[in-house]
Amino acid sequence: MILSTRHDNIGGRAQRRRRKPGASYRLGMTAPDGAKFWLSGIYQDVRHNQRLTYTAAWEDAEGHRGHETLVTVTFDDQGSATKIVIHQARFASRVSRDSHLDGWAGTLENLAAFLNE
């Protein structure tokens, strides 16, 4: 699946990896101009079809991780639909928080469109 934000049209792909507490992940994204962005972290809590908690930090051009946030995604089965709640905390600044909020909104809009195809 391609993920993209509302404004940047940034696409990305993730490798399928075993999600278990303590396991790491690394996600690559490519902007329309070809610039690459990397996000990595560690899974903290994994409850199949219920909850996923992980750390997340953007990497610089040399692969050094920046400020780390904590993301919790919950899935609530509501019969014919699933309610997804995303909580991301520990931002370095309000600007960073607001940028992530916009990115998550675009990603969820794209997920809804994909599921409605």
N, C-alpha and C. Protein backbone atom coordinates (compact mmCIF):
# COMPACT_ATOMS: atom_id res chain seq x y z
N MET A 1 0.84 -1.16 0.00
CA MET A 1 0.00 0.00 0.00
C MET A 1 0.89 1.23 0.00
N ILE A 2 0.49 2.25 -0.73
CA ILE A 2 1.20 3.52 -0.76
C ILE A 2 0.56 4.45 0.27
N LEU A 3 1.37 5.04 1.10
CA LEU A 3 0.91 6.02 2.08
C LEU A 3 1.28 7.39 1.58
N SER A 4 0.41 8.35 1.74
CA SER A 4 0.79 9.71 1.37
C SER A 4 0.07 10.72 2.25
N THR A 5 0.69 11.87 2.38
CA THR A 5 0.08 12.93 3.16
C THR A 5 -0.82 13.74 2.24
N ARG A 6 -1.66 14.55 2.80
CA ARG A 6 -2.59 15.36 2.05
C ARG A 6 -1.89 16.29 1.08
N HIS A 7 -0.84 16.96 1.52
CA HIS A 7 -0.23 18.03 0.74
C HIS A 7 1.03 17.62 0.00
N ASP A 8 1.76 16.68 0.53
CA ASP A 8 3.08 16.38 -0.02
C ASP A 8 3.10 15.24 -1.03
N ASN A 9 2.06 14.43 -1.05
CA ASN A 9 2.01 13.28 -1.94
C ASN A 9 3.28 12.44 -1.80
N ILE A 10 3.66 12.18 -0.58
CA ILE A 10 4.84 11.36 -0.29
C ILE A 10 4.40 9.91 -0.23
N GLY A 11 5.06 9.06 -1.00
CA GLY A 11 4.73 7.65 -1.01
C GLY A 11 5.74 6.85 -0.23
N GLY A 12 5.33 5.68 0.24
CA GLY A 12 6.25 4.86 1.00
C GLY A 12 5.85 3.40 0.98
N ARG A 13 6.80 2.58 1.30
CA ARG A 13 6.54 1.15 1.40
C ARG A 13 7.25 0.63 2.64
N ALA A 14 6.63 -0.33 3.26
CA ALA A 14 7.23 -0.95 4.45
C ALA A 14 7.40 -2.43 4.19
N GLN A 15 8.48 -2.98 4.70
CA GLN A 15 8.67 -4.42 4.61
C GLN A 15 7.78 -5.11 5.63
N ARG A 16 7.29 -6.27 5.27
CA ARG A 16 6.53 -7.06 6.24
C ARG A 16 7.53 -7.66 7.22
N ARG A 17 7.35 -7.36 8.47
CA ARG A 17 8.22 -7.89 9.51
C ARG A 17 7.35 -8.37 10.64
N ARG A 18 7.90 -9.22 11.41
CA ARG A 18 7.17 -9.71 12.58
C ARG A 18 7.06 -8.59 13.59
N ARG A 19 5.83 -8.25 13.94
CA ARG A 19 5.59 -7.21 14.93
C ARG A 19 5.47 -7.86 16.30
N LYS A 20 6.46 -7.65 17.12
CA LYS A 20 6.44 -8.16 18.49
C LYS A 20 7.20 -7.16 19.36
N PRO A 21 6.86 -7.07 20.63
CA PRO A 21 7.57 -6.13 21.50
C PRO A 21 9.07 -6.34 21.44
N GLY A 22 9.79 -5.23 21.27
CA GLY A 22 11.24 -5.28 21.19
C GLY A 22 11.78 -5.36 19.77
N ALA A 23 10.95 -5.73 18.81
CA ALA A 23 11.40 -5.82 17.42
C ALA A 23 11.49 -4.42 16.82
N SER A 24 12.43 -4.23 15.90
CA SER A 24 12.60 -2.93 15.26
C SER A 24 11.93 -2.91 13.89
N TYR A 25 11.73 -1.69 13.38
CA TYR A 25 11.22 -1.51 12.02
C TYR A 25 11.92 -0.30 11.41
N ARG A 26 11.89 -0.21 10.09
CA ARG A 26 12.42 0.96 9.37
C ARG A 26 11.56 1.13 8.13
N LEU A 27 11.05 2.33 7.94
CA LEU A 27 10.13 2.65 6.85
C LEU A 27 10.73 3.72 5.97
N GLY A 28 10.77 3.49 4.67
CA GLY A 28 11.29 4.48 3.74
C GLY A 28 10.17 5.16 2.97
N MET A 29 10.33 6.46 2.74
CA MET A 29 9.35 7.23 1.98
C MET A 29 10.09 8.05 0.94
N THR A 30 9.42 8.30 -0.19
CA THR A 30 10.01 9.08 -1.26
C THR A 30 9.08 10.22 -1.64
N ALA A 31 9.62 11.44 -1.66
CA ALA A 31 8.86 12.62 -2.06
C ALA A 31 8.80 12.70 -3.58
N PRO A 32 7.87 13.49 -4.14
CA PRO A 32 7.78 13.63 -5.60
C PRO A 32 9.08 14.09 -6.25
N ASP A 33 9.92 14.85 -5.52
CA ASP A 33 11.19 15.32 -6.08
C ASP A 33 12.31 14.29 -5.96
N GLY A 34 11.98 13.10 -5.43
CA GLY A 34 12.96 12.03 -5.30
C GLY A 34 13.67 11.97 -3.95
N ALA A 35 13.45 12.97 -3.10
CA ALA A 35 14.07 12.96 -1.77
C ALA A 35 13.55 11.77 -0.97
N LYS A 36 14.45 11.14 -0.23
CA LYS A 36 14.07 9.97 0.57
C LYS A 36 14.07 10.34 2.04
N PHE A 37 13.11 9.76 2.77
CA PHE A 37 12.97 9.99 4.20
C PHE A 37 12.87 8.63 4.87
N TRP A 38 13.49 8.49 6.03
CA TRP A 38 13.47 7.23 6.76
C TRP A 38 12.94 7.45 8.17
N LEU A 39 12.11 6.52 8.61
CA LEU A 39 11.53 6.52 9.94
C LEU A 39 11.83 5.16 10.55
N SER A 40 12.24 5.15 11.82
CA SER A 40 12.53 3.86 12.45
C SER A 40 12.11 3.90 13.91
N GLY A 41 11.99 2.71 14.48
CA GLY A 41 11.61 2.63 15.88
C GLY A 41 11.54 1.19 16.37
N ILE A 42 10.97 1.05 17.56
CA ILE A 42 10.85 -0.24 18.23
C ILE A 42 9.40 -0.46 18.63
N TYR A 43 8.89 -1.65 18.36
CA TYR A 43 7.54 -2.01 18.81
C TYR A 43 7.55 -2.19 20.32
N GLN A 44 6.61 -1.54 21.01
CA GLN A 44 6.52 -1.60 22.46
C GLN A 44 5.43 -2.57 22.94
N ASP A 45 4.28 -2.50 22.29
CA ASP A 45 3.11 -3.31 22.68
C ASP A 45 2.39 -3.74 21.41
N VAL A 46 2.14 -5.02 21.27
CA VAL A 46 1.47 -5.54 20.08
C VAL A 46 0.36 -6.47 20.53
N ARG A 47 -0.87 -6.05 20.26
CA ARG A 47 -2.04 -6.88 20.56
C ARG A 47 -2.84 -6.99 19.27
N HIS A 48 -2.75 -8.13 18.62
CA HIS A 48 -3.35 -8.36 17.31
C HIS A 48 -4.80 -7.87 17.26
N ASN A 49 -5.09 -7.03 16.26
CA ASN A 49 -6.42 -6.46 16.02
C ASN A 49 -6.94 -5.59 17.15
N GLN A 50 -6.08 -5.16 18.08
CA GLN A 50 -6.52 -4.32 19.19
C GLN A 50 -5.67 -3.08 19.36
N ARG A 51 -4.35 -3.26 19.43
CA ARG A 51 -3.48 -2.13 19.80
C ARG A 51 -2.06 -2.36 19.29
N LEU A 52 -1.44 -1.27 18.87
CA LEU A 52 -0.05 -1.30 18.44
C LEU A 52 0.62 -0.04 19.00
N THR A 53 1.67 -0.22 19.78
CA THR A 53 2.42 0.91 20.33
C THR A 53 3.87 0.76 19.91
N TYR A 54 4.45 1.86 19.42
CA TYR A 54 5.83 1.83 18.95
C TYR A 54 6.47 3.21 19.07
N THR A 55 7.78 3.23 19.12
CA THR A 55 8.51 4.50 19.07
C THR A 55 8.73 4.85 17.61
N ALA A 56 8.93 6.14 17.34
CA ALA A 56 9.16 6.60 15.97
C ALA A 56 10.10 7.79 15.98
N ALA A 57 11.11 7.73 15.12
CA ALA A 57 12.06 8.84 14.98
C ALA A 57 12.48 8.95 13.52
N TRP A 58 12.48 10.16 12.99
CA TRP A 58 12.98 10.40 11.64
C TRP A 58 14.50 10.35 11.68
N GLU A 59 15.08 9.85 10.60
CA GLU A 59 16.54 9.77 10.49
C GLU A 59 17.05 10.90 9.59
N ASP A 60 18.24 11.43 9.91
CA ASP A 60 18.85 12.44 9.04
C ASP A 60 19.57 11.74 7.88
N ALA A 61 20.21 12.53 7.03
CA ALA A 61 20.87 12.00 5.84
C ALA A 61 21.97 10.98 6.16
N GLU A 62 22.55 11.08 7.35
CA GLU A 62 23.60 10.13 7.76
C GLU A 62 23.05 8.93 8.50
N GLY A 63 21.72 8.86 8.65
CA GLY A 63 21.11 7.72 9.34
C GLY A 63 21.01 7.88 10.84
N HIS A 64 21.32 9.06 11.36
CA HIS A 64 21.19 9.30 12.81
C HIS A 64 19.73 9.62 13.13
N ARG A 65 19.22 8.97 14.16
CA ARG A 65 17.83 9.16 14.56
C ARG A 65 17.67 10.49 15.30
N GLY A 66 16.56 11.15 14.98
CA GLY A 66 16.24 12.41 15.65
C GLY A 66 15.38 12.17 16.88
N HIS A 67 14.60 13.17 17.22
CA HIS A 67 13.74 13.11 18.40
C HIS A 67 12.74 11.95 18.27
N GLU A 68 12.58 11.21 19.33
CA GLU A 68 11.70 10.02 19.32
C GLU A 68 10.34 10.34 19.93
N THR A 69 9.29 9.93 19.21
CA THR A 69 7.93 10.05 19.72
C THR A 69 7.40 8.65 20.05
N LEU A 70 6.26 8.61 20.71
CA LEU A 70 5.60 7.34 21.04
C LEU A 70 4.23 7.35 20.39
N VAL A 71 3.94 6.32 19.59
CA VAL A 71 2.69 6.22 18.86
C VAL A 71 1.90 5.02 19.36
N THR A 72 0.62 5.23 19.64
CA THR A 72 -0.28 4.14 19.99
C THR A 72 -1.47 4.18 19.04
N VAL A 73 -1.71 3.07 18.37
CA VAL A 73 -2.85 2.94 17.46
C VAL A 73 -3.76 1.88 18.04
N THR A 74 -5.03 2.24 18.26
CA THR A 74 -6.00 1.26 18.76
C THR A 74 -7.04 0.99 17.69
N PHE A 75 -7.51 -0.23 17.66
CA PHE A 75 -8.51 -0.69 16.70
C PHE A 75 -9.72 -1.18 17.49
N ASP A 76 -10.88 -0.56 17.25
CA ASP A 76 -12.09 -0.91 17.97
C ASP A 76 -13.11 -1.48 16.98
N ASP A 77 -13.35 -2.78 17.06
CA ASP A 77 -14.31 -3.46 16.19
C ASP A 77 -15.71 -2.95 16.50
N GLN A 78 -16.35 -2.37 15.50
CA GLN A 78 -17.70 -1.84 15.67
C GLN A 78 -18.67 -2.52 14.71
N GLY A 79 -18.54 -3.83 14.61
CA GLY A 79 -19.43 -4.59 13.73
C GLY A 79 -18.95 -4.53 12.29
N SER A 80 -19.60 -3.72 11.47
CA SER A 80 -19.25 -3.64 10.05
C SER A 80 -18.13 -2.63 9.79
N ALA A 81 -17.59 -2.04 10.83
CA ALA A 81 -16.53 -1.06 10.68
C ALA A 81 -15.52 -1.20 11.83
N THR A 82 -14.38 -0.58 11.66
CA THR A 82 -13.37 -0.54 12.71
C THR A 82 -12.99 0.91 12.97
N LYS A 83 -13.09 1.32 14.21
CA LYS A 83 -12.68 2.66 14.61
C LYS A 83 -11.18 2.61 14.90
N ILE A 84 -10.42 3.49 14.27
CA ILE A 84 -8.98 3.58 14.47
C ILE A 84 -8.69 4.88 15.22
N VAL A 85 -7.98 4.77 16.33
CA VAL A 85 -7.59 5.95 17.10
C VAL A 85 -6.06 5.97 17.17
N ILE A 86 -5.47 7.10 16.78
CA ILE A 86 -4.02 7.25 16.79
C ILE A 86 -3.66 8.31 17.82
N HIS A 87 -2.78 7.95 18.73
CA HIS A 87 -2.27 8.90 19.72
C HIS A 87 -0.76 8.92 19.60
N GLN A 88 -0.22 10.09 19.28
CA GLN A 88 1.23 10.24 19.18
C GLN A 88 1.66 11.32 20.17
N ALA A 89 2.67 11.02 20.98
CA ALA A 89 3.09 11.93 22.05
C ALA A 89 4.60 12.12 22.06
N ARG A 90 5.04 13.02 22.92
CA ARG A 90 6.45 13.32 23.14
C ARG A 90 7.08 14.09 21.97
N PHE A 91 6.34 15.02 21.40
CA PHE A 91 6.88 15.82 20.30
C PHE A 91 7.90 16.83 20.81
N ALA A 92 8.85 17.16 19.95
CA ALA A 92 9.87 18.15 20.29
C ALA A 92 9.30 19.57 20.26
N SER A 93 8.25 19.79 19.45
CA SER A 93 7.68 21.13 19.32
C SER A 93 6.24 21.05 18.83
N ARG A 94 5.53 22.15 18.94
CA ARG A 94 4.16 22.22 18.41
C ARG A 94 4.16 22.11 16.89
N VAL A 95 5.16 22.69 16.25
CA VAL A 95 5.27 22.61 14.79
C VAL A 95 5.37 21.16 14.35
N SER A 96 6.20 20.39 15.03
CA SER A 96 6.33 18.97 14.72
C SER A 96 5.02 18.23 14.95
N ARG A 97 4.38 18.51 16.06
CA ARG A 97 3.08 17.89 16.36
C ARG A 97 2.07 18.19 15.27
N ASP A 98 1.96 19.45 14.88
CA ASP A 98 0.98 19.84 13.87
C ASP A 98 1.27 19.21 12.52
N SER A 99 2.55 19.10 12.18
CA SER A 99 2.93 18.46 10.92
C SER A 99 2.53 16.98 10.92
N HIS A 100 2.74 16.31 12.03
CA HIS A 100 2.35 14.90 12.13
C HIS A 100 0.84 14.74 12.10
N LEU A 101 0.12 15.65 12.72
CA LEU A 101 -1.34 15.60 12.71
C LEU A 101 -1.86 15.66 11.27
N ASP A 102 -1.30 16.55 10.49
CA ASP A 102 -1.70 16.66 9.09
C ASP A 102 -1.34 15.41 8.31
N GLY A 103 -0.15 14.85 8.58
CA GLY A 103 0.26 13.62 7.90
C GLY A 103 -0.64 12.44 8.23
N TRP A 104 -0.99 12.30 9.51
CA TRP A 104 -1.89 11.21 9.90
C TRP A 104 -3.26 11.39 9.26
N ALA A 105 -3.76 12.61 9.22
CA ALA A 105 -5.08 12.86 8.61
C ALA A 105 -5.09 12.43 7.15
N GLY A 106 -4.04 12.81 6.43
CA GLY A 106 -3.95 12.42 5.02
C GLY A 106 -3.83 10.92 4.84
N THR A 107 -3.04 10.28 5.70
CA THR A 107 -2.88 8.83 5.63
C THR A 107 -4.21 8.11 5.87
N LEU A 108 -4.96 8.57 6.87
CA LEU A 108 -6.25 7.93 7.16
C LEU A 108 -7.26 8.18 6.04
N GLU A 109 -7.22 9.36 5.42
CA GLU A 109 -8.08 9.62 4.26
C GLU A 109 -7.75 8.67 3.12
N ASN A 110 -6.45 8.46 2.87
CA ASN A 110 -6.04 7.53 1.82
C ASN A 110 -6.41 6.10 2.14
N LEU A 111 -6.31 5.71 3.41
CA LEU A 111 -6.72 4.37 3.82
C LEU A 111 -8.22 4.17 3.56
N ALA A 112 -9.03 5.16 3.93
CA ALA A 112 -10.48 5.07 3.71
C ALA A 112 -10.79 4.94 2.23
N ALA A 113 -10.11 5.73 1.40
CA ALA A 113 -10.33 5.64 -0.05
C ALA A 113 -9.93 4.27 -0.58
N PHE A 114 -8.81 3.74 -0.12
CA PHE A 114 -8.34 2.43 -0.54
C PHE A 114 -9.35 1.35 -0.16
N LEU A 115 -9.88 1.41 1.05
CA LEU A 115 -10.83 0.40 1.52
C LEU A 115 -12.18 0.51 0.83
N ASN A 116 -12.49 1.67 0.31
CA ASN A 116 -13.77 1.86 -0.38
C ASN A 116 -13.70 1.58 -1.87
N GLU A 117 -12.53 1.21 -2.38
CA GLU A 117 -12.39 0.90 -3.82
C GLU A 117 -13.09 -0.39 -4.16
